Amino acid sequence: MAKTNDRLEVVGGIMNGKKVDVNTIKDLASLPSLDELRGKLVGLLQAPAGQLARLAKAYSEKEQAA
């Protein structure tokens, strides 16, 4: 909402009982959502497993051809 409203100006805030400045708020706003982070994590975990499966398949096919 703040990105689309020209009249709204954030000057600071409080997080966990501590004051935060505008730059900190902008940094927090630019972070990906929790769902995006979970998706990236799952992708990172699945990639090596997929590579291992392909490697195992290649070795299996090589042994069968010999």
N, C-alpha and C. Protein backbone atom coordinates (compact mmCIF):
# COMPACT_ATOMS: atom_id res chain seq x y z
N MET A 1 0.82 -1.18 0.00
CA MET A 1 0.00 0.00 0.00
C MET A 1 0.87 1.25 0.00
N ALA A 2 1.95 1.24 0.75
CA ALA A 2 2.82 2.40 0.83
C ALA A 2 3.49 2.69 -0.51
N LYS A 3 3.71 1.66 -1.31
CA LYS A 3 4.36 1.85 -2.61
C LYS A 3 3.45 2.53 -3.61
N THR A 4 2.15 2.40 -3.44
CA THR A 4 1.21 2.98 -4.39
C THR A 4 0.59 4.28 -3.91
N ASN A 5 0.83 4.67 -2.67
CA ASN A 5 0.26 5.90 -2.11
C ASN A 5 1.36 6.94 -1.98
N ASP A 6 1.29 7.99 -2.81
CA ASP A 6 2.32 9.03 -2.81
C ASP A 6 2.32 9.86 -1.53
N ARG A 7 1.20 9.92 -0.84
CA ARG A 7 1.09 10.77 0.35
C ARG A 7 1.61 10.09 1.62
N LEU A 8 1.76 8.79 1.58
CA LEU A 8 2.23 8.06 2.75
C LEU A 8 3.75 8.09 2.79
N GLU A 9 4.30 8.53 3.93
CA GLU A 9 5.74 8.60 4.09
C GLU A 9 6.12 7.91 5.40
N VAL A 10 6.94 6.88 5.29
CA VAL A 10 7.41 6.17 6.46
C VAL A 10 8.66 6.88 6.97
N VAL A 11 8.66 7.20 8.26
CA VAL A 11 9.80 7.91 8.84
C VAL A 11 10.53 7.06 9.87
N GLY A 12 9.98 5.94 10.23
CA GLY A 12 10.62 5.05 11.20
C GLY A 12 9.61 4.05 11.71
N GLY A 13 10.06 3.25 12.65
CA GLY A 13 9.17 2.26 13.21
C GLY A 13 9.78 1.56 14.41
N ILE A 14 9.08 0.58 14.92
CA ILE A 14 9.55 -0.19 16.06
C ILE A 14 9.40 -1.67 15.71
N MET A 15 10.46 -2.42 15.97
CA MET A 15 10.43 -3.85 15.72
C MET A 15 11.10 -4.55 16.91
N ASN A 16 10.37 -5.47 17.52
CA ASN A 16 10.85 -6.16 18.72
C ASN A 16 11.28 -5.19 19.82
N GLY A 17 10.55 -4.11 19.94
CA GLY A 17 10.82 -3.14 20.99
C GLY A 17 11.98 -2.20 20.72
N LYS A 18 12.56 -2.27 19.53
CA LYS A 18 13.69 -1.40 19.18
C LYS A 18 13.30 -0.49 18.03
N LYS A 19 13.82 0.73 18.06
CA LYS A 19 13.55 1.68 16.98
C LYS A 19 14.31 1.25 15.73
N VAL A 20 13.65 1.40 14.58
CA VAL A 20 14.30 1.12 13.30
C VAL A 20 14.13 2.32 12.38
N ASP A 21 15.13 2.59 11.56
CA ASP A 21 15.06 3.74 10.68
C ASP A 21 14.44 3.36 9.33
N VAL A 22 14.29 4.34 8.48
CA VAL A 22 13.63 4.15 7.19
C VAL A 22 14.40 3.14 6.33
N ASN A 23 15.72 3.21 6.34
CA ASN A 23 16.52 2.29 5.53
C ASN A 23 16.30 0.84 5.94
N THR A 24 16.20 0.59 7.23
CA THR A 24 15.94 -0.76 7.72
C THR A 24 14.57 -1.24 7.27
N ILE A 25 13.60 -0.36 7.32
CA ILE A 25 12.24 -0.71 6.89
C ILE A 25 12.23 -1.02 5.39
N LYS A 26 12.96 -0.23 4.59
CA LYS A 26 13.04 -0.49 3.15
C LYS A 26 13.72 -1.82 2.88
N ASP A 27 14.77 -2.12 3.64
CA ASP A 27 15.46 -3.40 3.47
C ASP A 27 14.53 -4.56 3.79
N LEU A 28 13.78 -4.44 4.87
CA LEU A 28 12.84 -5.50 5.25
C LEU A 28 11.73 -5.66 4.21
N ALA A 29 11.29 -4.55 3.65
CA ALA A 29 10.22 -4.60 2.65
C ALA A 29 10.69 -5.26 1.35
N SER A 30 11.99 -5.21 1.08
CA SER A 30 12.51 -5.78 -0.16
C SER A 30 12.82 -7.28 -0.04
N LEU A 31 12.73 -7.84 1.16
CA LEU A 31 12.99 -9.26 1.34
C LEU A 31 11.89 -10.10 0.69
N PRO A 32 12.23 -11.28 0.17
CA PRO A 32 11.20 -12.14 -0.40
C PRO A 32 10.26 -12.67 0.69
N SER A 33 9.08 -13.08 0.27
CA SER A 33 8.10 -13.59 1.23
C SER A 33 8.55 -14.95 1.76
N LEU A 34 7.93 -15.38 2.83
CA LEU A 34 8.26 -16.67 3.43
C LEU A 34 7.99 -17.81 2.44
N ASP A 35 6.91 -17.71 1.69
CA ASP A 35 6.60 -18.74 0.69
C ASP A 35 7.67 -18.80 -0.40
N GLU A 36 8.16 -17.63 -0.84
CA GLU A 36 9.22 -17.60 -1.83
C GLU A 36 10.49 -18.25 -1.29
N LEU A 37 10.84 -17.94 -0.05
CA LEU A 37 12.04 -18.52 0.56
C LEU A 37 11.91 -20.03 0.71
N ARG A 38 10.74 -20.49 1.09
CA ARG A 38 10.51 -21.94 1.20
C ARG A 38 10.65 -22.61 -0.16
N GLY A 39 10.11 -21.99 -1.19
CA GLY A 39 10.22 -22.54 -2.54
C GLY A 39 11.66 -22.63 -3.00
N LYS A 40 12.44 -21.60 -2.73
CA LYS A 40 13.85 -21.62 -3.10
C LYS A 40 14.60 -22.70 -2.34
N LEU A 41 14.30 -22.86 -1.08
CA LEU A 41 14.95 -23.88 -0.27
C LEU A 41 14.63 -25.28 -0.78
N VAL A 42 13.36 -25.53 -1.09
CA VAL A 42 12.97 -26.83 -1.62
C VAL A 42 13.69 -27.08 -2.95
N GLY A 43 13.77 -26.06 -3.79
CA GLY A 43 14.47 -26.20 -5.07
C GLY A 43 15.94 -26.53 -4.88
N LEU A 44 16.57 -25.87 -3.91
CA LEU A 44 17.98 -26.14 -3.64
C LEU A 44 18.20 -27.55 -3.12
N LEU A 45 17.26 -28.04 -2.33
CA LEU A 45 17.39 -29.38 -1.78
C LEU A 45 17.11 -30.45 -2.83
N GLN A 46 16.20 -30.18 -3.75
CA GLN A 46 15.83 -31.16 -4.76
C GLN A 46 16.86 -31.27 -5.87
N ALA A 47 17.56 -30.21 -6.18
CA ALA A 47 18.50 -30.21 -7.29
C ALA A 47 19.59 -31.27 -7.13
N PRO A 48 20.28 -31.35 -5.99
CA PRO A 48 21.31 -32.39 -5.85
C PRO A 48 20.72 -33.80 -5.92
N ALA A 49 19.54 -34.01 -5.37
CA ALA A 49 18.91 -35.33 -5.41
C ALA A 49 18.62 -35.73 -6.86
N GLY A 50 18.16 -34.81 -7.67
CA GLY A 50 17.90 -35.09 -9.08
C GLY A 50 19.17 -35.40 -9.84
N GLN A 51 20.25 -34.69 -9.53
CA GLN A 51 21.53 -34.95 -10.18
C GLN A 51 22.06 -36.33 -9.80
N LEU A 52 21.91 -36.70 -8.53
CA LEU A 52 22.35 -38.02 -8.08
C LEU A 52 21.56 -39.12 -8.77
N ALA A 53 20.26 -38.92 -8.94
CA ALA A 53 19.43 -39.92 -9.61
C ALA A 53 19.86 -40.09 -11.06
N ARG A 54 20.15 -39.00 -11.74
CA ARG A 54 20.61 -39.10 -13.13
C ARG A 54 21.97 -39.79 -13.22
N LEU A 55 22.84 -39.49 -12.28
CA LEU A 55 24.16 -40.11 -12.26
C LEU A 55 24.03 -41.61 -12.03
N ALA A 56 23.18 -42.01 -11.10
CA ALA A 56 22.96 -43.43 -10.83
C ALA A 56 22.38 -44.12 -12.05
N LYS A 57 21.47 -43.46 -12.73
CA LYS A 57 20.86 -44.04 -13.94
C LYS A 57 21.92 -44.21 -15.03
N ALA A 58 22.78 -43.21 -15.19
CA ALA A 58 23.84 -43.30 -16.20
C ALA A 58 24.78 -44.45 -15.91
N TYR A 59 25.18 -44.62 -14.65
CA TYR A 59 26.06 -45.75 -14.29
C TYR A 59 25.36 -47.08 -14.53
N SER A 60 24.10 -47.15 -14.21
CA SER A 60 23.33 -48.38 -14.40
C SER A 60 23.26 -48.74 -15.88
N GLU A 61 22.97 -47.76 -16.71
CA GLU A 61 22.89 -48.00 -18.15
C GLU A 61 24.25 -48.37 -18.72
N LYS A 62 25.31 -47.79 -18.20
CA LYS A 62 26.66 -48.10 -18.66
C LYS A 62 27.01 -49.55 -18.33
N GLU A 63 26.66 -49.98 -17.12
CA GLU A 63 26.94 -51.36 -16.71
C GLU A 63 26.13 -52.36 -17.53
N GLN A 64 24.89 -52.02 -17.84
CA GLN A 64 24.05 -52.92 -18.63
C GLN A 64 24.56 -53.04 -20.06
N ALA A 65 25.14 -51.98 -20.60
CA ALA A 65 25.66 -52.00 -21.97
C ALA A 65 26.95 -52.81 -22.05
N ALA A 66 27.68 -52.91 -20.96
CA ALA A 66 28.97 -53.62 -20.97
C ALA A 66 28.84 -55.09 -20.82
